[in-house]
Amino acid sequence: MREKIVAGNWKMNTSVTEGVQLTREILAGATQIPEGVHAIISPPYTHLFPIAQLLEGQNRIALAAQNCAEESKGAYTGEVSAGMIASVPCSYVILGHSERRTYYGETDQTLWNKLVQALENNLRPIFCVGELLQEREEDQHFQVVASQLKHVIGALEPADFEKIIIAYEPVWAIGTGKTATSDQAQEMHAFIRSFLAGIFGEATEKTPILYGGSCNPSNAKELFSQPDIDGGLIGGASLKANDFLAVAKAFE
């Protein structure tokens, strides 16, 4: 059976004090998370260490970074390496989010370099793929996602592929209040699994594929009921403890 995962991406929100308080609230309600569901929170870099201290000694909530550098160390002012993130300690890292691709020009080569760094430092990548509205309207969505997968994930060795989590995020449904229908989401998730199976074979049956387009308490249950949707990469709904926990409870 594939892992069930709910990962909260806080993006550039909350102060350290607010983030610590949000974490306390999530921890207080962690018993609501169904058995077997993996919950992950991804706060800004500045919050990672104090939140890691809060999470120490429990196994209900794991910690992710929102990005990492391409390089291991050196004169790269403002960058944060995968090794630094792992030392927090932190277990996961989000790579290839559409906002990183769009606003910061991250390319397949950039993401390959980051993926290598993450894996070398025992961080488990949550690798994001997805299409723009124009690409979907022009019926290019499958080609776009296939290309994003082929040139980065497709280059992995099988042993490293087994560590990957994929997040499908229709870019047109992020922060807009729009959501792909459950049928649209399932169609793309099934395509992703089939495409990766053409490279990695049966191992793909164990690959978690998360939905990342405005997933919230009102639509999570329907989305998670689809056969190839294994959870969510949650944006706005992860900034309120009750909403984040409600999304996790959708697996009940």
C-alpha atoms as a PDB file:
ATOM      1  CA  MET A   1       0.000   0.000   0.000  1.00  0.00           C
ATOM      2  CA  ARG A   2       1.278   3.467  -0.881  1.00  0.00           C
ATOM      3  CA  GLU A   3       1.985   6.084   1.779  1.00  0.00           C
ATOM      4  CA  LYS A   4      -0.740   8.602   2.517  1.00  0.00           C
ATOM      5  CA  ILE A   5       0.787  12.069   2.946  1.00  0.00           C
ATOM      6  CA  VAL A   6      -0.478  15.516   3.846  1.00  0.00           C
ATOM      7  CA  ALA A   7       2.262  18.145   3.505  1.00  0.00           C
ATOM      8  CA  GLY A   8       1.706  21.774   4.471  1.00  0.00           C
ATOM      9  CA  ASN A   9       3.671  24.362   2.479  1.00  0.00           C
ATOM     10  CA  TRP A  10       3.581  27.608   4.465  1.00  0.00           C
ATOM     11  CA  LYS A  11       5.409  29.553   1.725  1.00  0.00           C
ATOM     12  CA  MET A  12       6.554  33.033   2.860  1.00  0.00           C
ATOM     13  CA  ASN A  13       4.068  33.343   5.701  1.00  0.00           C
ATOM     14  CA  THR A  14       4.203  33.679   9.505  1.00  0.00           C
ATOM     15  CA  SER A  15       6.856  35.126  11.793  1.00  0.00           C
ATOM     16  CA  VAL A  16       8.958  32.718  13.841  1.00  0.00           C
ATOM     17  CA  THR A  17       6.701  33.293  16.844  1.00  0.00           C
ATOM     18  CA  GLU A  18       3.572  32.685  14.751  1.00  0.00           C
ATOM     19  CA  GLY A  19       5.088  29.586  13.161  1.00  0.00           C
ATOM     20  CA  VAL A  20       6.013  28.096  16.517  1.00  0.00           C
ATOM     21  CA  GLN A  21       2.481  28.741  17.776  1.00  0.00           C
ATOM     22  CA  LEU A  22       0.964  27.156  14.650  1.00  0.00           C
ATOM     23  CA  THR A  23       3.148  24.109  15.176  1.00  0.00           C
ATOM     24  CA  ARG A  24       2.042  23.854  18.803  1.00  0.00           C
ATOM     25  CA  GLU A  25      -1.594  23.934  17.663  1.00  0.00           C
ATOM     26  CA  ILE A  26      -1.003  21.227  15.059  1.00  0.00           C
ATOM     27  CA  LEU A  27       0.804  19.059  17.599  1.00  0.00           C
ATOM     28  CA  ALA A  28      -2.029  19.535  20.076  1.00  0.00           C
ATOM     29  CA  GLY A  29      -4.449  18.098  17.525  1.00  0.00           C
ATOM     30  CA  ALA A  30      -2.122  15.470  16.079  1.00  0.00           C
ATOM     31  CA  THR A  31      -4.144  12.631  17.570  1.00  0.00           C
ATOM     32  CA  GLN A  32      -6.832  13.550  15.008  1.00  0.00           C
ATOM     33  CA  ILE A  33      -4.535  12.456  12.170  1.00  0.00           C
ATOM     34  CA  PRO A  34      -5.611   8.954  11.080  1.00  0.00           C
ATOM     35  CA  GLU A  35      -3.211   6.100  11.705  1.00  0.00           C
ATOM     36  CA  GLY A  36      -0.933   5.579   8.725  1.00  0.00           C
ATOM     37  CA  VAL A  37      -1.203   9.146   7.411  1.00  0.00           C
ATOM     38  CA  HIS A  38       2.126  10.997   7.288  1.00  0.00           C
ATOM     39  CA  ALA A  39       1.833  14.691   8.133  1.00  0.00           C
ATOM     40  CA  ILE A  40       4.606  17.092   7.106  1.00  0.00           C
ATOM     41  CA  ILE A  41       4.946  20.845   7.689  1.00  0.00           C
ATOM     42  CA  SER A  42       7.195  23.090   5.621  1.00  0.00           C
ATOM     43  CA  PRO A  43       7.823  26.474   7.260  1.00  0.00           C
ATOM     44  CA  PRO A  44      10.256  29.175   6.094  1.00  0.00           C
ATOM     45  CA  TYR A  45      13.982  28.580   6.681  1.00  0.00           C
ATOM     46  CA  THR A  46      14.042  30.927   9.691  1.00  0.00           C
ATOM     47  CA  HIS A  47      11.574  28.703  11.531  1.00  0.00           C
ATOM     48  CA  LEU A  48      13.145  25.294  10.927  1.00  0.00           C
ATOM     49  CA  PHE A  49      15.371  25.006  13.992  1.00  0.00           C
ATOM     50  CA  PRO A  50      12.907  26.106  16.693  1.00  0.00           C
ATOM     51  CA  ILE A  51      10.180  24.006  15.110  1.00  0.00           C
ATOM     52  CA  ALA A  52      12.510  20.997  14.891  1.00  0.00           C
ATOM     53  CA  GLN A  53      13.044  21.348  18.638  1.00  0.00           C
ATOM     54  CA  LEU A  54       9.285  21.328  19.187  1.00  0.00           C
ATOM     55  CA  LEU A  55       8.888  18.208  17.045  1.00  0.00           C
ATOM     56  CA  GLU A  56      11.697  16.298  18.730  1.00  0.00           C
ATOM     57  CA  GLY A  57      10.649  13.062  20.367  1.00  0.00           C
ATOM     58  CA  GLN A  58       7.347  12.621  18.527  1.00  0.00           C
ATOM     59  CA  ASN A  59       6.530  10.773  15.301  1.00  0.00           C
ATOM     60  CA  ARG A  60       3.257  12.360  14.157  1.00  0.00           C
ATOM     61  CA  ILE A  61       4.598  15.446  12.363  1.00  0.00           C
ATOM     62  CA  ALA A  62       7.708  15.601  10.136  1.00  0.00           C
ATOM     63  CA  LEU A  63       9.604  18.669   8.932  1.00  0.00           C
ATOM     64  CA  ALA A  64      10.374  19.837   5.384  1.00  0.00           C
ATOM     65  CA  ALA A  65      12.235  22.771   3.881  1.00  0.00           C
ATOM     66  CA  GLN A  66      10.716  24.674   0.968  1.00  0.00           C
ATOM     67  CA  ASN A  67      13.858  24.646  -1.188  1.00  0.00           C
ATOM     68  CA  CYS A  68      17.597  23.990  -1.131  1.00  0.00           C
ATOM     69  CA  ALA A  69      20.672  25.251  -2.954  1.00  0.00           C
ATOM     70  CA  GLU A  70      22.286  23.629  -5.985  1.00  0.00           C
ATOM     71  CA  GLU A  71      25.704  23.662  -4.316  1.00  0.00           C
ATOM     72  CA  SER A  72      26.974  21.930  -1.205  1.00  0.00           C
ATOM     73  CA  LYS A  73      28.855  24.952   0.195  1.00  0.00           C
ATOM     74  CA  GLY A  74      30.820  28.034  -0.822  1.00  0.00           C
ATOM     75  CA  ALA A  75      30.492  31.725  -1.651  1.00  0.00           C
ATOM     76  CA  TYR A  76      26.777  31.705  -2.452  1.00  0.00           C
ATOM     77  CA  THR A  77      25.376  34.519  -0.348  1.00  0.00           C
ATOM     78  CA  GLY A  78      21.794  33.965   0.718  1.00  0.00           C
ATOM     79  CA  GLU A  79      21.660  30.283  -0.240  1.00  0.00           C
ATOM     80  CA  VAL A  80      20.917  27.395   2.128  1.00  0.00           C
ATOM     81  CA  SER A  81      22.456  24.023   1.363  1.00  0.00           C
ATOM     82  CA  ALA A  82      20.823  20.623   1.663  1.00  0.00           C
ATOM     83  CA  GLY A  83      23.463  19.713   4.249  1.00  0.00           C
ATOM     84  CA  MET A  84      22.486  22.694   6.389  1.00  0.00           C
ATOM     85  CA  ILE A  85      18.821  21.709   6.151  1.00  0.00           C
ATOM     86  CA  ALA A  86      19.567  18.100   7.078  1.00  0.00           C
ATOM     87  CA  SER A  87      21.526  19.271  10.131  1.00  0.00           C
ATOM     88  CA  VAL A  88      18.473  21.068  11.608  1.00  0.00           C
ATOM     89  CA  PRO A  89      17.392  18.164  11.507  1.00  0.00           C
ATOM     90  CA  CYS A  90      14.915  18.124   8.643  1.00  0.00           C
ATOM     91  CA  SER A  91      13.690  15.088   6.704  1.00  0.00           C
ATOM     92  CA  TYR A  92      12.084  16.431   3.504  1.00  0.00           C
ATOM     93  CA  VAL A  93      12.556  19.209   0.955  1.00  0.00           C
ATOM     94  CA  ILE A  94      10.149  20.620  -1.630  1.00  0.00           C
ATOM     95  CA  LEU A  95      11.743  21.017  -5.075  1.00  0.00           C
ATOM     96  CA  GLY A  96      10.420  22.392  -8.358  1.00  0.00           C
ATOM     97  CA  HIS A  97       7.413  24.252  -6.968  1.00  0.00           C
ATOM     98  CA  SER A  98       5.753  26.276  -9.721  1.00  0.00           C
ATOM     99  CA  GLU A  99       6.574  29.516  -7.890  1.00  0.00           C
ATOM    100  CA  ARG A 100      10.269  28.615  -7.955  1.00  0.00           C
ATOM    101  CA  ARG A 101      10.068  27.737 -11.638  1.00  0.00           C
ATOM    102  CA  THR A 102       8.083  30.874 -12.549  1.00  0.00           C
ATOM    103  CA  TYR A 103       9.544  33.594 -10.306  1.00  0.00           C
ATOM    104  CA  TYR A 104      13.129  32.377 -10.020  1.00  0.00           C
ATOM    105  CA  GLY A 105      13.660  30.724 -13.381  1.00  0.00           C
ATOM    106  CA  GLU A 106      14.477  27.273 -12.097  1.00  0.00           C
ATOM    107  CA  THR A 107      15.196  24.949 -14.996  1.00  0.00           C
ATOM    108  CA  ASP A 108      15.403  21.172 -15.319  1.00  0.00           C
ATOM    109  CA  GLN A 109      19.174  21.445 -14.844  1.00  0.00           C
ATOM    110  CA  THR A 110      18.740  23.579 -11.725  1.00  0.00           C
ATOM    111  CA  LEU A 111      16.312  21.059 -10.297  1.00  0.00           C
ATOM    112  CA  TRP A 112      18.525  18.104 -11.148  1.00  0.00           C
ATOM    113  CA  ASN A 113      21.397  19.740  -9.237  1.00  0.00           C
ATOM    114  CA  LYS A 114      19.128  20.365  -6.251  1.00  0.00           C
ATOM    115  CA  LEU A 115      17.749  16.840  -6.381  1.00  0.00           C
ATOM    116  CA  VAL A 116      21.255  15.397  -6.277  1.00  0.00           C
ATOM    117  CA  GLN A 117      22.116  17.584  -3.275  1.00  0.00           C
ATOM    118  CA  ALA A 118      18.954  16.570  -1.451  1.00  0.00           C
ATOM    119  CA  LEU A 119      19.512  12.853  -1.976  1.00  0.00           C
ATOM    120  CA  GLU A 120      23.200  13.051  -1.035  1.00  0.00           C
ATOM    121  CA  ASN A 121      22.132  14.588   2.291  1.00  0.00           C
ATOM    122  CA  ASN A 122      19.374  12.056   2.972  1.00  0.00           C
ATOM    123  CA  LEU A 123      16.566  14.536   2.419  1.00  0.00           C
ATOM    124  CA  ARG A 124      13.480  13.054   0.830  1.00  0.00           C
ATOM    125  CA  PRO A 125      12.376  15.233  -2.118  1.00  0.00           C
ATOM    126  CA  ILE A 126       8.794  16.283  -2.763  1.00  0.00           C
ATOM    127  CA  PHE A 127       9.162  17.025  -6.475  1.00  0.00           C
ATOM    128  CA  CYS A 128       6.534  19.291  -8.028  1.00  0.00           C
ATOM    129  CA  VAL A 129       5.252  19.228 -11.597  1.00  0.00           C
ATOM    130  CA  GLY A 130       2.342  20.968 -13.290  1.00  0.00           C
ATOM    131  CA  GLU A 131       1.055  23.011 -16.189  1.00  0.00           C
ATOM    132  CA  LEU A 132       0.019  26.618 -16.743  1.00  0.00           C
ATOM    133  CA  LEU A 133      -3.546  27.523 -17.680  1.00  0.00           C
ATOM    134  CA  GLN A 134      -2.544  28.289 -21.282  1.00  0.00           C
ATOM    135  CA  GLU A 135      -0.817  24.919 -21.559  1.00  0.00           C
ATOM    136  CA  ARG A 136      -3.941  23.124 -20.385  1.00  0.00           C
ATOM    137  CA  GLU A 137      -6.189  25.147 -22.681  1.00  0.00           C
ATOM    138  CA  GLU A 138      -3.902  24.252 -25.589  1.00  0.00           C
ATOM    139  CA  ASP A 139      -4.101  20.575 -24.606  1.00  0.00           C
ATOM    140  CA  GLN A 140      -0.386  20.492 -23.801  1.00  0.00           C
ATOM    141  CA  HIS A 141      -0.704  19.541 -20.137  1.00  0.00           C
ATOM    142  CA  PHE A 142       0.383  15.928 -20.516  1.00  0.00           C
ATOM    143  CA  GLN A 143       3.395  16.871 -22.642  1.00  0.00           C
ATOM    144  CA  VAL A 144       4.472  19.572 -20.178  1.00  0.00           C
ATOM    145  CA  VAL A 145       4.292  17.279 -17.163  1.00  0.00           C
ATOM    146  CA  ALA A 146       5.995  14.432 -19.029  1.00  0.00           C
ATOM    147  CA  SER A 147       8.877  16.738 -19.944  1.00  0.00           C
ATOM    148  CA  GLN A 148       9.268  17.967 -16.355  1.00  0.00           C
ATOM    149  CA  LEU A 149       9.438  14.381 -15.148  1.00  0.00           C
ATOM    150  CA  LYS A 150      11.600  12.941 -17.906  1.00  0.00           C
ATOM    151  CA  HIS A 151      14.477  15.398 -17.649  1.00  0.00           C
ATOM    152  CA  VAL A 152      14.847  15.268 -13.868  1.00  0.00           C
ATOM    153  CA  ILE A 153      13.149  12.306 -12.182  1.00  0.00           C
ATOM    154  CA  GLY A 154      13.702  10.109 -15.226  1.00  0.00           C
ATOM    155  CA  ALA A 155      17.469  10.489 -14.840  1.00  0.00           C
ATOM    156  CA  LEU A 156      17.537   8.940 -11.362  1.00  0.00           C
ATOM    157  CA  GLU A 157      18.889   5.527 -10.492  1.00  0.00           C
ATOM    158  CA  PRO A 158      16.108   3.124  -9.408  1.00  0.00           C
ATOM    159  CA  ALA A 159      17.273   3.111  -5.779  1.00  0.00           C
ATOM    160  CA  ASP A 160      16.992   6.901  -5.598  1.00  0.00           C
ATOM    161  CA  PHE A 161      13.664   6.968  -7.422  1.00  0.00           C
ATOM    162  CA  GLU A 162      12.150   4.924  -4.599  1.00  0.00           C
ATOM    163  CA  LYS A 163      12.751   7.884  -2.251  1.00  0.00           C
ATOM    164  CA  ILE A 164      10.807  10.377  -4.384  1.00  0.00           C
ATOM    165  CA  ILE A 165       7.394  11.896  -3.660  1.00  0.00           C
ATOM    166  CA  ILE A 166       5.690  13.578  -6.631  1.00  0.00           C
ATOM    167  CA  ALA A 167       3.312  16.525  -6.230  1.00  0.00           C
ATOM    168  CA  TYR A 168       1.075  17.479  -9.134  1.00  0.00           C
ATOM    169  CA  GLU A 169       0.112  21.142  -8.967  1.00  0.00           C
ATOM    170  CA  PRO A 170      -2.004  22.585 -11.765  1.00  0.00           C
ATOM    171  CA  VAL A 171      -0.510  26.076 -11.713  1.00  0.00           C
ATOM    172  CA  TRP A 172      -3.839  27.627 -12.658  1.00  0.00           C
ATOM    173  CA  ALA A 173      -5.339  26.276  -9.412  1.00  0.00           C
ATOM    174  CA  ILE A 174      -2.733  27.592  -6.962  1.00  0.00           C
ATOM    175  CA  GLY A 175      -3.817  30.540  -4.860  1.00  0.00           C
ATOM    176  CA  THR A 176      -6.695  31.271  -7.229  1.00  0.00           C
ATOM    177  CA  GLY A 177      -9.412  29.405  -5.383  1.00  0.00           C
ATOM    178  CA  LYS A 178      -9.863  27.251  -8.492  1.00  0.00           C
ATOM    179  CA  THR A 179      -9.446  23.519  -8.131  1.00  0.00           C
ATOM    180  CA  ALA A 180      -9.131  20.833 -10.717  1.00  0.00           C
ATOM    181  CA  THR A 181     -12.100  18.509 -10.571  1.00  0.00           C
ATOM    182  CA  SER A 182     -11.394  15.176  -8.936  1.00  0.00           C
ATOM    183  CA  ASP A 183     -11.642  13.585 -12.381  1.00  0.00           C
ATOM    184  CA  GLN A 184      -9.098  16.026 -13.848  1.00  0.00           C
ATOM    185  CA  ALA A 185      -6.743  15.455 -10.943  1.00  0.00           C
ATOM    186  CA  GLN A 186      -7.092  11.676 -11.113  1.00  0.00           C
ATOM    187  CA  GLU A 187      -6.516  11.719 -14.872  1.00  0.00           C
ATOM    188  CA  MET A 188      -3.196  13.523 -14.430  1.00  0.00           C
ATOM    189  CA  HIS A 189      -2.118  11.444 -11.455  1.00  0.00           C
ATOM    190  CA  ALA A 190      -2.806   8.265 -13.419  1.00  0.00           C
ATOM    191  CA  PHE A 191      -0.845   9.685 -16.353  1.00  0.00           C
ATOM    192  CA  ILE A 192       2.118  10.511 -14.083  1.00  0.00           C
ATOM    193  CA  ARG A 193       2.135   6.999 -12.635  1.00  0.00           C
ATOM    194  CA  SER A 194       1.889   5.440 -16.080  1.00  0.00           C
ATOM    195  CA  PHE A 195       4.626   7.661 -17.511  1.00  0.00           C
ATOM    196  CA  LEU A 196       7.010   6.874 -14.660  1.00  0.00           C
ATOM    197  CA  ALA A 197       6.177   3.174 -14.938  1.00  0.00           C
ATOM    198  CA  GLY A 198       7.553   3.323 -18.457  1.00  0.00           C
ATOM    199  CA  ILE A 199      10.922   4.261 -16.913  1.00  0.00           C
ATOM    200  CA  PHE A 200      10.963   2.557 -13.520  1.00  0.00           C
ATOM    201  CA  GLY A 201       8.463  -0.270 -13.925  1.00  0.00           C
ATOM    202  CA  GLU A 202       6.565  -1.690 -10.971  1.00  0.00           C
ATOM    203  CA  ALA A 203       8.381   0.539  -8.454  1.00  0.00           C
ATOM    204  CA  THR A 204       6.028   3.332  -9.520  1.00  0.00           C
ATOM    205  CA  GLU A 205       3.138   1.544  -7.824  1.00  0.00           C
ATOM    206  CA  LYS A 206       4.716   2.559  -4.507  1.00  0.00           C
ATOM    207  CA  THR A 207       5.366   6.192  -5.471  1.00  0.00           C
ATOM    208  CA  PRO A 208       3.178   8.670  -3.550  1.00  0.00           C
ATOM    209  CA  ILE A 209       1.650  11.288  -5.848  1.00  0.00           C
ATOM    210  CA  LEU A 210       0.133  14.280  -4.060  1.00  0.00           C
ATOM    211  CA  TYR A 211      -2.370  16.824  -5.360  1.00  0.00           C
ATOM    212  CA  GLY A 212      -1.203  20.405  -4.933  1.00  0.00           C
ATOM    213  CA  GLY A 213      -3.856  22.737  -6.310  1.00  0.00           C
ATOM    214  CA  SER A 214      -5.924  24.499  -3.633  1.00  0.00           C
ATOM    215  CA  CYS A 215      -6.658  21.358  -1.652  1.00  0.00           C
ATOM    216  CA  ASN A 216      -8.712  22.233   1.438  1.00  0.00           C
ATOM    217  CA  PRO A 217     -11.119  20.679   3.971  1.00  0.00           C
ATOM    218  CA  SER A 218     -14.084  21.000   1.620  1.00  0.00           C
ATOM    219  CA  ASN A 219     -12.596  19.059  -1.302  1.00  0.00           C
ATOM    220  CA  ALA A 220      -9.930  16.842   0.273  1.00  0.00           C
ATOM    221  CA  LYS A 221     -12.137  13.798   0.858  1.00  0.00           C
ATOM    222  CA  GLU A 222     -13.306  13.645  -2.757  1.00  0.00           C
ATOM    223  CA  LEU A 223      -9.768  14.166  -4.072  1.00  0.00           C
ATOM    224  CA  PHE A 224      -8.215  11.593  -1.748  1.00  0.00           C
ATOM    225  CA  SER A 225     -10.827   9.003  -2.707  1.00  0.00           C
ATOM    226  CA  GLN A 226      -9.347   8.823  -6.211  1.00  0.00           C
ATOM    227  CA  PRO A 227      -7.196   5.727  -6.802  1.00  0.00           C
ATOM    228  CA  ASP A 228      -3.997   7.542  -7.806  1.00  0.00           C
ATOM    229  CA  ILE A 229      -4.170  10.529  -5.420  1.00  0.00           C
ATOM    230  CA  ASP A 230      -2.167   9.707  -2.308  1.00  0.00           C
ATOM    231  CA  GLY A 231      -2.544  12.971  -0.418  1.00  0.00           C
ATOM    232  CA  GLY A 232      -1.992  16.672  -0.793  1.00  0.00           C
ATOM    233  CA  LEU A 233       0.606  19.422  -0.867  1.00  0.00           C
ATOM    234  CA  ILE A 234      -1.419  21.995   1.029  1.00  0.00           C
ATOM    235  CA  GLY A 235      -0.939  25.757   0.711  1.00  0.00           C
ATOM    236  CA  GLY A 236      -3.346  28.220   2.337  1.00  0.00           C
ATOM    237  CA  ALA A 237      -5.186  25.574   4.344  1.00  0.00           C
ATOM    238  CA  SER A 238      -1.946  24.630   6.096  1.00  0.00           C
ATOM    239  CA  LEU A 239      -1.750  28.036   7.802  1.00  0.00           C
ATOM    240  CA  LYS A 240      -4.635  27.196  10.132  1.00  0.00           C
ATOM    241  CA  ALA A 241      -4.160  24.196  12.379  1.00  0.00           C
ATOM    242  CA  ASN A 242      -7.810  23.149  12.266  1.00  0.00           C
ATOM    243  CA  ASP A 243      -7.890  23.267   8.460  1.00  0.00           C
ATOM    244  CA  PHE A 244      -4.642  21.317   8.108  1.00  0.00           C
ATOM    245  CA  LEU A 245      -5.858  18.662  10.521  1.00  0.00           C
ATOM    246  CA  ALA A 246      -9.215  18.514   8.747  1.00  0.00           C
ATOM    247  CA  VAL A 247      -7.460  17.795   5.456  1.00  0.00           C
ATOM    248  CA  ALA A 248      -5.511  14.984   7.112  1.00  0.00           C
ATOM    249  CA  LYS A 249      -8.743  13.582   8.596  1.00  0.00           C
ATOM    250  CA  ALA A 250     -10.179  13.371   5.073  1.00  0.00           C
ATOM    251  CA  PHE A 251      -8.422   9.997   4.812  1.00  0.00           C
ATOM    252  CA  GLU A 252     -10.773   8.502   7.413  1.00  0.00           C
END
